[in-house]
Amino acid sequence: MLTSVSLFANGFVTQFINKYGEEDRPLNNVNIGKTMLDKMAANTEDEELRSAFKELKSIRIVSSEDAKDSRYYFQKANELIKEEFGDYEEVVSVNERNSRISVWMKREDDKKQDLILISLDENSKLSIITVSGKIDLKSISRLSGTLKNESAAPEEKAGEPGSR
């Protein structure tokens, strides 16, 4: 059963955390399921985003803000995808001076794709985003901006006691 789970993008996050997650190297993990995606679709006025939300089955986001930990996890995530997710094809790779991004995709049919994005930004912050469902890359690009803006709001409270 573990083998069949590892074939899907969400399985990547689970396997990554189970294999490499360390208590002294904390990871943030956000799961957005179909019910929440449907609610997000109902609450947006942008027709393109609404359509994209409705077609998705799930989104998972794993991140690390510590630069040293992020570089370690970035390397491990790329090792894992190459070792155990051979049915994914790298569709985008960006290697700039201070940032790296790789996007891997598995297309099962026109209605079911899985996408894995592994990113190390200019501030050495790690993001791993997995998306499952009918994926329109143009919409996903716009969606990632929406998710970043929505997830930035809680970070404003980072200075409050107990927020970390």
Protein backbone atom coordinates (compact mmCIF):
# COMPACT_ATOMS: atom_id res chain seq x y z
CA MET A 1 0.00 0.00 0.00
CA LEU A 2 2.89 2.39 0.71
CA THR A 3 4.07 1.92 -2.88
CA SER A 4 0.73 3.02 -4.32
CA VAL A 5 0.65 6.06 -2.04
CA SER A 6 4.11 7.14 -3.14
CA LEU A 7 2.93 7.42 -6.75
CA PHE A 8 0.86 10.52 -6.02
CA ALA A 9 2.03 14.05 -5.28
CA ASN A 10 0.49 14.05 -1.80
CA GLY A 11 2.42 10.86 -1.12
CA PHE A 12 5.59 12.78 -1.89
CA VAL A 13 5.00 15.16 1.02
CA THR A 14 4.13 12.33 3.40
CA GLN A 15 7.14 10.29 2.36
CA PHE A 16 9.42 13.34 2.49
CA ILE A 17 8.35 14.28 6.02
CA ASN A 18 8.53 10.68 7.27
CA LYS A 19 11.96 10.09 5.74
CA TYR A 20 13.70 13.42 6.32
CA GLY A 21 11.71 15.45 8.84
CA GLU A 22 13.69 16.08 11.99
CA GLU A 23 12.46 17.55 15.25
CA ASP A 24 15.43 19.91 15.48
CA ARG A 25 14.80 21.05 11.87
CA PRO A 26 11.15 22.10 11.99
CA LEU A 27 8.93 22.03 8.91
CA ASN A 28 5.64 23.84 8.39
CA ASN A 29 2.96 21.68 6.74
CA VAL A 30 -0.34 22.94 5.31
CA ASN A 31 -2.94 20.65 3.71
CA ILE A 32 -5.81 22.08 1.68
CA GLY A 33 -8.41 19.45 0.82
CA LYS A 34 -11.24 19.36 -1.71
CA THR A 35 -13.83 20.85 0.70
CA MET A 36 -11.68 23.92 1.36
CA LEU A 37 -10.80 24.29 -2.32
CA ASP A 38 -14.52 24.30 -3.12
CA LYS A 39 -15.05 27.01 -0.46
CA MET A 40 -12.18 29.04 -1.89
CA ALA A 41 -13.78 28.72 -5.35
CA ALA A 42 -17.10 29.96 -3.98
CA ASN A 43 -15.42 32.96 -2.32
CA THR A 44 -13.45 34.29 -5.28
CA GLU A 45 -14.78 36.70 -7.86
CA ASP A 46 -12.04 35.80 -10.35
CA GLU A 47 -13.61 33.32 -12.79
CA GLU A 48 -10.26 31.82 -13.81
CA LEU A 49 -9.24 31.14 -10.20
CA ARG A 50 -12.73 29.84 -9.40
CA SER A 51 -12.44 27.34 -12.23
CA ALA A 52 -8.93 26.31 -11.14
CA PHE A 53 -10.02 25.75 -7.51
CA LYS A 54 -12.97 23.60 -8.62
CA GLU A 55 -10.74 21.32 -10.70
CA LEU A 56 -8.20 20.64 -7.93
CA LYS A 57 -8.40 17.77 -5.46
CA SER A 58 -5.73 18.89 -2.99
CA ILE A 59 -2.81 21.19 -2.31
CA ARG A 60 -0.07 20.54 0.25
CA ILE A 61 2.58 23.04 1.21
CA VAL A 62 5.70 22.26 3.22
CA SER A 63 8.12 25.01 4.13
CA SER A 64 11.16 25.81 6.23
CA GLU A 65 12.37 29.28 7.08
CA ASP A 66 15.80 28.44 8.49
CA ALA A 67 18.39 28.89 5.72
CA LYS A 68 20.61 25.94 6.70
CA ASP A 69 17.65 23.61 7.19
CA SER A 70 16.08 24.78 3.93
CA ARG A 71 19.20 23.99 1.90
CA TYR A 72 19.36 20.53 3.52
CA TYR A 73 15.68 19.83 2.84
CA PHE A 74 15.91 21.18 -0.73
CA GLN A 75 18.69 18.69 -1.47
CA LYS A 76 16.77 15.82 0.18
CA ALA A 77 13.53 16.63 -1.68
CA ASN A 78 15.34 16.54 -5.02
CA GLU A 79 17.02 13.25 -4.09
CA LEU A 80 13.67 11.73 -3.11
CA ILE A 81 11.91 12.72 -6.32
CA LYS A 82 14.72 11.31 -8.46
CA GLU A 83 15.02 8.07 -6.44
CA GLU A 84 11.37 7.19 -5.84
CA PHE A 85 9.16 9.24 -8.16
CA GLY A 86 10.59 8.22 -11.54
CA ASP A 87 7.17 8.47 -13.18
CA TYR A 88 7.31 12.28 -12.78
CA GLU A 89 8.84 14.42 -15.52
CA GLU A 90 10.68 17.64 -14.79
CA VAL A 91 8.76 20.32 -16.71
CA VAL A 92 10.48 23.46 -15.39
CA SER A 93 13.89 24.03 -13.85
CA VAL A 94 15.22 27.43 -12.83
CA ASN A 95 18.68 27.82 -11.36
CA GLU A 96 19.47 31.46 -10.75
CA ARG A 97 22.16 32.99 -8.62
CA ASN A 98 20.19 32.99 -5.36
CA SER A 99 17.20 30.79 -6.06
CA ARG A 100 16.33 27.39 -7.43
CA ILE A 101 13.02 25.97 -8.58
CA SER A 102 12.11 22.62 -10.06
CA VAL A 103 8.63 21.58 -11.12
CA TRP A 104 7.81 17.92 -11.68
CA MET A 105 4.60 16.62 -13.22
CA LYS A 106 2.84 13.32 -13.69
CA ARG A 107 -0.06 13.26 -16.13
CA GLU A 108 -2.42 10.33 -15.67
CA ASP A 109 -5.05 11.66 -18.11
CA ASP A 110 -6.69 14.97 -19.07
CA LYS A 111 -8.55 15.18 -15.75
CA LYS A 112 -5.87 13.97 -13.34
CA GLN A 113 -2.38 15.36 -12.98
CA ASP A 114 0.00 15.64 -10.08
CA LEU A 115 2.50 18.44 -9.73
CA ILE A 116 5.42 18.80 -7.32
CA LEU A 117 7.18 22.18 -7.00
CA ILE A 118 10.42 22.36 -5.02
CA SER A 119 11.76 25.86 -4.42
CA LEU A 120 14.61 27.51 -2.56
CA ASP A 121 14.14 31.28 -2.78
CA GLU A 122 16.64 34.14 -2.60
CA ASN A 123 16.30 34.19 1.21
CA SER A 124 17.03 30.44 1.41
CA LYS A 125 13.44 29.61 2.37
CA LEU A 126 12.21 26.22 1.24
CA SER A 127 8.79 25.61 -0.29
CA ILE A 128 7.48 22.28 -1.48
CA ILE A 129 4.04 22.50 -3.04
CA THR A 130 2.11 19.52 -4.33
CA VAL A 131 -1.06 19.89 -6.35
CA SER A 132 -3.43 17.12 -7.47
CA GLY A 133 -6.35 17.36 -9.86
CA LYS A 134 -6.90 18.89 -13.28
CA ILE A 135 -4.00 21.31 -13.50
CA ASP A 136 -3.85 24.39 -15.70
CA LEU A 137 -0.30 25.71 -15.25
CA LYS A 138 -1.32 29.30 -16.03
CA SER A 139 -4.01 29.18 -13.33
CA ILE A 140 -1.65 27.47 -10.89
CA SER A 141 0.82 30.31 -11.36
CA ARG A 142 -1.89 32.84 -10.43
CA LEU A 143 -3.09 30.58 -7.61
CA SER A 144 0.37 30.41 -6.05
CA GLY A 145 0.37 34.20 -5.77
CA THR A 146 -3.05 34.06 -4.08
CA LEU A 147 -1.91 31.38 -1.61
CA LYS A 148 1.25 33.33 -0.76
CA ASN A 149 -0.77 36.47 -0.04
CA GLU A 150 -3.27 34.60 2.14
CA SER A 151 -0.58 32.70 4.04
CA ALA A 152 1.43 35.89 4.62
CA ALA A 153 -1.22 37.34 6.93
CA PRO A 154 -0.54 34.92 9.83
CA GLU A 155 3.17 35.70 9.61
CA GLU A 156 2.46 39.25 10.68
CA LYS A 157 1.83 37.78 14.13
CA ALA A 158 5.27 36.13 14.22
CA GLY A 159 6.45 38.44 16.98
CA GLU A 160 3.66 37.44 19.35
CA PRO A 161 4.50 34.97 22.14
CA GLY A 162 3.79 31.35 21.23
CA SER A 163 3.42 32.09 17.52
CA ARG A 164 6.48 30.14 16.48
